Amino acid sequence: MTFTVKYFPYQLYPEASKEGEDKYEWYKKSKYGDSEEKMDMYTTLMTAYGVSAGINFKFGGTVANTLDAHRVIQHYQEEKGSETADKLINCMHESFHRPCPLANSWEALYSQYFEHEQHPSTDETLLNAAAEAGIPESDMKAFLEDRSEGLQDVKMLIREQAGNGVDSVPYIVFEGKRRDLTLVGAKEVEEYEKALETIVRESN
């Protein structure tokens, strides 16, 4: 059985500005009551979690509105398929079991933001991700220059996710023949494996 990943847009902080603000200070104030001690505990814990998963979390950079990134992901998912969308978002080093077509595999969106402290949705960030996914620069530039293309579709999809009860990420739905299974929040790998095995078993 083959599973296909399909991404849907959701914004945790839709009120964020396009320019954004300092990521570290934003987390400290909004999540930890401006406590340096609590923020230190958070960064220490997340750093350890990241190391165990092959991710080098960094906590500087910018928190900003991600609507343009969602617009790009949805457009190329529809135009070129889920594999291209996955490369835009997740492409990782071969040592992490996710081979990339190019050597500079840090340029996918998640790695740029979480590991390299880049803005999540500037044109520069999105062009880097496009190169990672094998999308011609001229194609991406043309799409980015038309700020209205796909915008209303993305906004509609975001509203749909909220209407479906999504209020946090990750929110993963495994579609099956008999039923769907939903996992909300970060889970252990074994829980995802169990969900996949259940879908396979119930599809036979």
C-alpha atoms as a PDB file:
ATOM      1  CA  MET A   1       0.000   0.000   0.000  1.00  0.00           C
ATOM      2  CA  THR A   2       1.202   3.493  -0.842  1.00  0.00           C
ATOM      3  CA  PHE A   3       0.456   6.559   1.283  1.00  0.00           C
ATOM      4  CA  THR A   4       0.436  10.070  -0.157  1.00  0.00           C
ATOM      5  CA  VAL A   5       1.030  13.104   2.038  1.00  0.00           C
ATOM      6  CA  LYS A   6      -1.188  16.106   1.335  1.00  0.00           C
ATOM      7  CA  TYR A   7      -0.600  19.420   3.078  1.00  0.00           C
ATOM      8  CA  PHE A   8      -3.326  21.802   4.196  1.00  0.00           C
ATOM      9  CA  PRO A   9      -2.618  25.356   5.362  1.00  0.00           C
ATOM     10  CA  TYR A  10      -3.158  26.467   8.942  1.00  0.00           C
ATOM     11  CA  GLN A  11      -1.833  29.543  10.719  1.00  0.00           C
ATOM     12  CA  LEU A  12      -1.160  29.413  14.444  1.00  0.00           C
ATOM     13  CA  TYR A  13      -0.620  33.193  14.529  1.00  0.00           C
ATOM     14  CA  PRO A  14      -2.563  34.751  11.621  1.00  0.00           C
ATOM     15  CA  GLU A  15      -2.288  38.173  13.252  1.00  0.00           C
ATOM     16  CA  ALA A  16       1.508  38.204  12.865  1.00  0.00           C
ATOM     17  CA  SER A  17       2.868  40.934  10.612  1.00  0.00           C
ATOM     18  CA  LYS A  18       4.632  40.185   7.351  1.00  0.00           C
ATOM     19  CA  GLU A  19       7.795  41.872   8.621  1.00  0.00           C
ATOM     20  CA  GLY A  20       7.653  39.920  11.867  1.00  0.00           C
ATOM     21  CA  GLU A  21       9.541  40.303  15.132  1.00  0.00           C
ATOM     22  CA  ASP A  22      12.409  38.691  17.027  1.00  0.00           C
ATOM     23  CA  LYS A  23      11.627  34.996  17.481  1.00  0.00           C
ATOM     24  CA  TYR A  24      13.414  34.527  20.799  1.00  0.00           C
ATOM     25  CA  GLU A  25      11.840  37.578  22.420  1.00  0.00           C
ATOM     26  CA  TRP A  26       8.414  36.735  21.027  1.00  0.00           C
ATOM     27  CA  TYR A  27       8.490  33.226  22.498  1.00  0.00           C
ATOM     28  CA  LYS A  28       9.792  34.481  25.823  1.00  0.00           C
ATOM     29  CA  LYS A  29       7.049  37.088  26.161  1.00  0.00           C
ATOM     30  CA  SER A  30       4.076  35.240  24.656  1.00  0.00           C
ATOM     31  CA  LYS A  31       4.777  31.750  25.973  1.00  0.00           C
ATOM     32  CA  TYR A  32       6.836  32.155  29.136  1.00  0.00           C
ATOM     33  CA  GLY A  33       5.764  35.394  30.787  1.00  0.00           C
ATOM     34  CA  ASP A  34       8.998  37.158  29.838  1.00  0.00           C
ATOM     35  CA  SER A  35      10.900  34.719  32.076  1.00  0.00           C
ATOM     36  CA  GLU A  36      14.471  34.109  30.964  1.00  0.00           C
ATOM     37  CA  GLU A  37      14.645  31.050  33.220  1.00  0.00           C
ATOM     38  CA  LYS A  38      11.612  29.409  31.608  1.00  0.00           C
ATOM     39  CA  MET A  39      12.876  30.273  28.157  1.00  0.00           C
ATOM     40  CA  ASP A  40      16.217  28.669  28.965  1.00  0.00           C
ATOM     41  CA  MET A  41      14.416  25.510  30.053  1.00  0.00           C
ATOM     42  CA  TYR A  42      12.427  25.489  26.807  1.00  0.00           C
ATOM     43  CA  THR A  43      15.454  25.938  24.547  1.00  0.00           C
ATOM     44  CA  THR A  44      17.430  23.284  26.447  1.00  0.00           C
ATOM     45  CA  LEU A  45      14.577  20.771  26.154  1.00  0.00           C
ATOM     46  CA  MET A  46      13.904  21.492  22.464  1.00  0.00           C
ATOM     47  CA  THR A  47      17.605  21.339  21.643  1.00  0.00           C
ATOM     48  CA  ALA A  48      17.780  17.866  23.190  1.00  0.00           C
ATOM     49  CA  TYR A  49      14.641  16.717  21.354  1.00  0.00           C
ATOM     50  CA  GLY A  50      16.069  18.054  18.125  1.00  0.00           C
ATOM     51  CA  VAL A  51      19.394  16.290  18.525  1.00  0.00           C
ATOM     52  CA  SER A  52      17.580  12.980  19.024  1.00  0.00           C
ATOM     53  CA  ALA A  53      15.758  13.537  15.705  1.00  0.00           C
ATOM     54  CA  GLY A  54      18.715  14.921  13.751  1.00  0.00           C
ATOM     55  CA  ILE A  55      17.466  18.525  13.911  1.00  0.00           C
ATOM     56  CA  ASN A  56      19.710  21.387  15.005  1.00  0.00           C
ATOM     57  CA  PHE A  57      17.122  23.763  16.464  1.00  0.00           C
ATOM     58  CA  LYS A  58      18.050  27.443  16.663  1.00  0.00           C
ATOM     59  CA  PHE A  59      15.996  30.079  18.458  1.00  0.00           C
ATOM     60  CA  GLY A  60      16.962  33.344  16.813  1.00  0.00           C
ATOM     61  CA  GLY A  61      15.505  34.789  13.658  1.00  0.00           C
ATOM     62  CA  THR A  62      12.014  36.089  12.992  1.00  0.00           C
ATOM     63  CA  VAL A  63       8.434  35.103  13.792  1.00  0.00           C
ATOM     64  CA  ALA A  64       6.242  36.417  10.984  1.00  0.00           C
ATOM     65  CA  ASN A  65       3.104  35.844   8.947  1.00  0.00           C
ATOM     66  CA  THR A  66       3.342  32.642   6.899  1.00  0.00           C
ATOM     67  CA  LEU A  67       0.555  33.247   4.384  1.00  0.00           C
ATOM     68  CA  ASP A  68       2.912  33.640   1.405  1.00  0.00           C
ATOM     69  CA  ALA A  69       4.627  30.350   2.250  1.00  0.00           C
ATOM     70  CA  HIS A  70       1.260  28.588   2.409  1.00  0.00           C
ATOM     71  CA  ARG A  71       0.310  30.114  -0.927  1.00  0.00           C
ATOM     72  CA  VAL A  72       3.469  28.720  -2.530  1.00  0.00           C
ATOM     73  CA  ILE A  73       3.049  25.259  -0.999  1.00  0.00           C
ATOM     74  CA  GLN A  74      -0.567  24.913  -2.091  1.00  0.00           C
ATOM     75  CA  HIS A  75       0.122  26.185  -5.607  1.00  0.00           C
ATOM     76  CA  TYR A  76       2.935  23.745  -6.292  1.00  0.00           C
ATOM     77  CA  GLN A  77       1.166  20.892  -4.554  1.00  0.00           C
ATOM     78  CA  GLU A  78      -1.714  21.336  -6.988  1.00  0.00           C
ATOM     79  CA  GLU A  79       0.512  21.975 -10.005  1.00  0.00           C
ATOM     80  CA  LYS A  80       3.344  19.495  -9.445  1.00  0.00           C
ATOM     81  CA  GLY A  81       2.095  17.095  -6.792  1.00  0.00           C
ATOM     82  CA  SER A  82       2.647  16.208  -3.163  1.00  0.00           C
ATOM     83  CA  GLU A  83       6.277  15.136  -3.658  1.00  0.00           C
ATOM     84  CA  THR A  84       7.223  18.666  -4.736  1.00  0.00           C
ATOM     85  CA  ALA A  85       5.330  20.140  -1.788  1.00  0.00           C
ATOM     86  CA  ASP A  86       7.195  17.794   0.543  1.00  0.00           C
ATOM     87  CA  LYS A  87      10.548  18.884  -0.902  1.00  0.00           C
ATOM     88  CA  LEU A  88       9.615  22.538  -0.422  1.00  0.00           C
ATOM     89  CA  ILE A  89       8.861  21.894   3.236  1.00  0.00           C
ATOM     90  CA  ASN A  90      10.825  18.960   4.542  1.00  0.00           C
ATOM     91  CA  CYS A  91      13.760  18.002   2.348  1.00  0.00           C
ATOM     92  CA  MET A  92      16.578  16.820   4.658  1.00  0.00           C
ATOM     93  CA  HIS A  93      20.059  15.384   4.539  1.00  0.00           C
ATOM     94  CA  GLU A  94      20.524  11.808   3.362  1.00  0.00           C
ATOM     95  CA  SER A  95      21.726  10.884   6.840  1.00  0.00           C
ATOM     96  CA  PHE A  96      18.220  11.705   8.071  1.00  0.00           C
ATOM     97  CA  HIS A  97      16.694   9.268   5.555  1.00  0.00           C
ATOM     98  CA  ARG A  98      15.150  12.001   3.374  1.00  0.00           C
ATOM     99  CA  PRO A  99      17.402  12.340   0.276  1.00  0.00           C
ATOM    100  CA  CYS A 100      17.497  15.738  -1.421  1.00  0.00           C
ATOM    101  CA  PRO A 101      18.229  16.532  -5.063  1.00  0.00           C
ATOM    102  CA  LEU A 102      20.749  19.263  -4.222  1.00  0.00           C
ATOM    103  CA  ALA A 103      23.723  19.568  -1.912  1.00  0.00           C
ATOM    104  CA  ASN A 104      22.497  22.633   0.017  1.00  0.00           C
ATOM    105  CA  SER A 105      19.691  20.694   1.617  1.00  0.00           C
ATOM    106  CA  TRP A 106      19.192  23.216   4.425  1.00  0.00           C
ATOM    107  CA  GLU A 107      17.170  25.396   2.039  1.00  0.00           C
ATOM    108  CA  ALA A 108      13.821  23.631   2.531  1.00  0.00           C
ATOM    109  CA  LEU A 109      11.383  25.777   4.503  1.00  0.00           C
ATOM    110  CA  TYR A 110      11.493  23.944   7.828  1.00  0.00           C
ATOM    111  CA  SER A 111      15.275  23.829   7.906  1.00  0.00           C
ATOM    112  CA  GLN A 112      15.614  27.490   6.929  1.00  0.00           C
ATOM    113  CA  TYR A 113      13.279  28.549   9.728  1.00  0.00           C
ATOM    114  CA  PHE A 114      14.055  26.108  12.539  1.00  0.00           C
ATOM    115  CA  GLU A 115      17.769  25.484  11.959  1.00  0.00           C
ATOM    116  CA  HIS A 116      19.084  28.548  10.138  1.00  0.00           C
ATOM    117  CA  GLU A 117      17.037  31.372  11.680  1.00  0.00           C
ATOM    118  CA  GLN A 118      15.605  32.592   8.390  1.00  0.00           C
ATOM    119  CA  HIS A 119      12.349  34.510   7.922  1.00  0.00           C
ATOM    120  CA  PRO A 120       9.564  31.977   7.201  1.00  0.00           C
ATOM    121  CA  SER A 121       8.077  33.580   4.096  1.00  0.00           C
ATOM    122  CA  THR A 122      10.170  36.259   2.408  1.00  0.00           C
ATOM    123  CA  ASP A 123      10.713  35.963  -1.335  1.00  0.00           C
ATOM    124  CA  GLU A 124      14.334  35.014  -0.664  1.00  0.00           C
ATOM    125  CA  THR A 125      13.303  32.168   1.636  1.00  0.00           C
ATOM    126  CA  LEU A 126      10.728  30.900  -0.846  1.00  0.00           C
ATOM    127  CA  LEU A 127      13.137  31.090  -3.784  1.00  0.00           C
ATOM    128  CA  ASN A 128      15.683  29.050  -1.812  1.00  0.00           C
ATOM    129  CA  ALA A 129      13.024  26.435  -1.076  1.00  0.00           C
ATOM    130  CA  ALA A 130      12.006  26.369  -4.731  1.00  0.00           C
ATOM    131  CA  ALA A 131      15.593  25.612  -5.753  1.00  0.00           C
ATOM    132  CA  GLU A 132      15.638  22.793  -3.203  1.00  0.00           C
ATOM    133  CA  ALA A 133      12.473  21.331  -4.714  1.00  0.00           C
ATOM    134  CA  GLY A 134      13.715  21.601  -8.293  1.00  0.00           C
ATOM    135  CA  ILE A 135      11.338  24.413  -9.260  1.00  0.00           C
ATOM    136  CA  PRO A 136      12.845  26.781 -11.859  1.00  0.00           C
ATOM    137  CA  GLU A 137      13.687  30.188 -10.404  1.00  0.00           C
ATOM    138  CA  SER A 138      11.853  31.962 -13.224  1.00  0.00           C
ATOM    139  CA  ASP A 139       8.651  30.051 -12.434  1.00  0.00           C
ATOM    140  CA  MET A 140       8.803  30.882  -8.742  1.00  0.00           C
ATOM    141  CA  LYS A 141       9.620  34.535  -9.361  1.00  0.00           C
ATOM    142  CA  ALA A 142       6.641  34.892 -11.695  1.00  0.00           C
ATOM    143  CA  PHE A 143       4.349  33.288  -9.134  1.00  0.00           C
ATOM    144  CA  LEU A 144       5.626  35.445  -6.272  1.00  0.00           C
ATOM    145  CA  GLU A 145       5.243  38.642  -8.282  1.00  0.00           C
ATOM    146  CA  ASP A 146       1.502  37.993  -8.710  1.00  0.00           C
ATOM    147  CA  ARG A 147       0.554  38.441  -5.063  1.00  0.00           C
ATOM    148  CA  SER A 148      -3.094  37.587  -5.712  1.00  0.00           C
ATOM    149  CA  GLU A 149      -2.617  34.226  -7.430  1.00  0.00           C
ATOM    150  CA  GLY A 150      -3.946  31.456  -5.204  1.00  0.00           C
ATOM    151  CA  LEU A 151      -4.430  33.846  -2.280  1.00  0.00           C
ATOM    152  CA  GLN A 152      -8.182  33.464  -1.894  1.00  0.00           C
ATOM    153  CA  ASP A 153      -7.938  29.676  -2.275  1.00  0.00           C
ATOM    154  CA  VAL A 154      -5.402  29.506   0.553  1.00  0.00           C
ATOM    155  CA  LYS A 155      -7.498  31.734   2.796  1.00  0.00           C
ATOM    156  CA  MET A 156     -10.515  29.512   2.141  1.00  0.00           C
ATOM    157  CA  LEU A 157      -8.538  26.382   3.021  1.00  0.00           C
ATOM    158  CA  ILE A 158      -7.309  27.992   6.243  1.00  0.00           C
ATOM    159  CA  ARG A 159     -10.904  28.787   7.213  1.00  0.00           C
ATOM    160  CA  GLU A 160     -11.896  25.205   6.392  1.00  0.00           C
ATOM    161  CA  GLN A 161      -9.248  23.802   8.726  1.00  0.00           C
ATOM    162  CA  ALA A 162     -10.488  26.014  11.553  1.00  0.00           C
ATOM    163  CA  GLY A 163     -14.034  24.865  10.772  1.00  0.00           C
ATOM    164  CA  ASN A 164     -12.862  21.255  10.991  1.00  0.00           C
ATOM    165  CA  GLY A 165     -11.713  21.855  14.549  1.00  0.00           C
ATOM    166  CA  VAL A 166      -7.999  22.303  13.886  1.00  0.00           C
ATOM    167  CA  ASP A 167      -6.522  24.602  16.532  1.00  0.00           C
ATOM    168  CA  SER A 168      -2.978  23.278  16.875  1.00  0.00           C
ATOM    169  CA  VAL A 169      -0.218  21.584  14.896  1.00  0.00           C
ATOM    170  CA  PRO A 170       0.698  18.962  13.978  1.00  0.00           C
ATOM    171  CA  TYR A 171      -2.789  17.735  13.115  1.00  0.00           C
ATOM    172  CA  ILE A 172      -2.503  14.591  11.019  1.00  0.00           C
ATOM    173  CA  VAL A 173      -5.390  12.658   9.476  1.00  0.00           C
ATOM    174  CA  PHE A 174      -4.806   9.158   8.134  1.00  0.00           C
ATOM    175  CA  GLU A 175      -7.539   8.408   5.614  1.00  0.00           C
ATOM    176  CA  GLY A 176      -8.709   4.800   5.534  1.00  0.00           C
ATOM    177  CA  LYS A 177     -11.333   2.749   3.735  1.00  0.00           C
ATOM    178  CA  ARG A 178     -13.265   1.975   6.928  1.00  0.00           C
ATOM    179  CA  ARG A 179     -12.439   5.062   8.991  1.00  0.00           C
ATOM    180  CA  ASP A 180     -10.002   7.907   9.382  1.00  0.00           C
ATOM    181  CA  LEU A 181      -7.547   8.181  12.267  1.00  0.00           C
ATOM    182  CA  THR A 182      -6.415  11.544  13.637  1.00  0.00           C
ATOM    183  CA  LEU A 183      -3.315  12.298  15.704  1.00  0.00           C
ATOM    184  CA  VAL A 184      -3.027  15.745  17.275  1.00  0.00           C
ATOM    185  CA  GLY A 185       0.187  17.126  18.723  1.00  0.00           C
ATOM    186  CA  ALA A 186       3.694  15.702  18.687  1.00  0.00           C
ATOM    187  CA  LYS A 187       3.679  11.928  19.100  1.00  0.00           C
ATOM    188  CA  GLU A 188       6.244   9.188  19.376  1.00  0.00           C
ATOM    189  CA  VAL A 189       7.179   7.471  16.106  1.00  0.00           C
ATOM    190  CA  GLU A 190       5.511   4.285  17.321  1.00  0.00           C
ATOM    191  CA  GLU A 191       2.121   5.994  17.442  1.00  0.00           C
ATOM    192  CA  TYR A 192       2.364   7.034  13.801  1.00  0.00           C
ATOM    193  CA  GLU A 193       3.473   3.541  12.860  1.00  0.00           C
ATOM    194  CA  LYS A 194       0.514   2.066  14.725  1.00  0.00           C
ATOM    195  CA  ALA A 195      -1.916   4.363  12.894  1.00  0.00           C
ATOM    196  CA  LEU A 196      -0.442   3.429   9.518  1.00  0.00           C
ATOM    197  CA  GLU A 197      -0.543  -0.279  10.355  1.00  0.00           C
ATOM    198  CA  THR A 198      -4.184   0.031  11.418  1.00  0.00           C
ATOM    199  CA  ILE A 199      -5.124   1.729   8.141  1.00  0.00           C
ATOM    200  CA  VAL A 200      -3.337  -1.004   6.167  1.00  0.00           C
ATOM    201  CA  ARG A 201      -4.955  -3.802   8.167  1.00  0.00           C
ATOM    202  CA  GLU A 202      -8.455  -2.347   7.828  1.00  0.00           C
ATOM    203  CA  SER A 203      -7.990  -1.807   4.094  1.00  0.00           C
ATOM    204  CA  ASN A 204      -7.355  -5.483   3.315  1.00  0.00           C
END
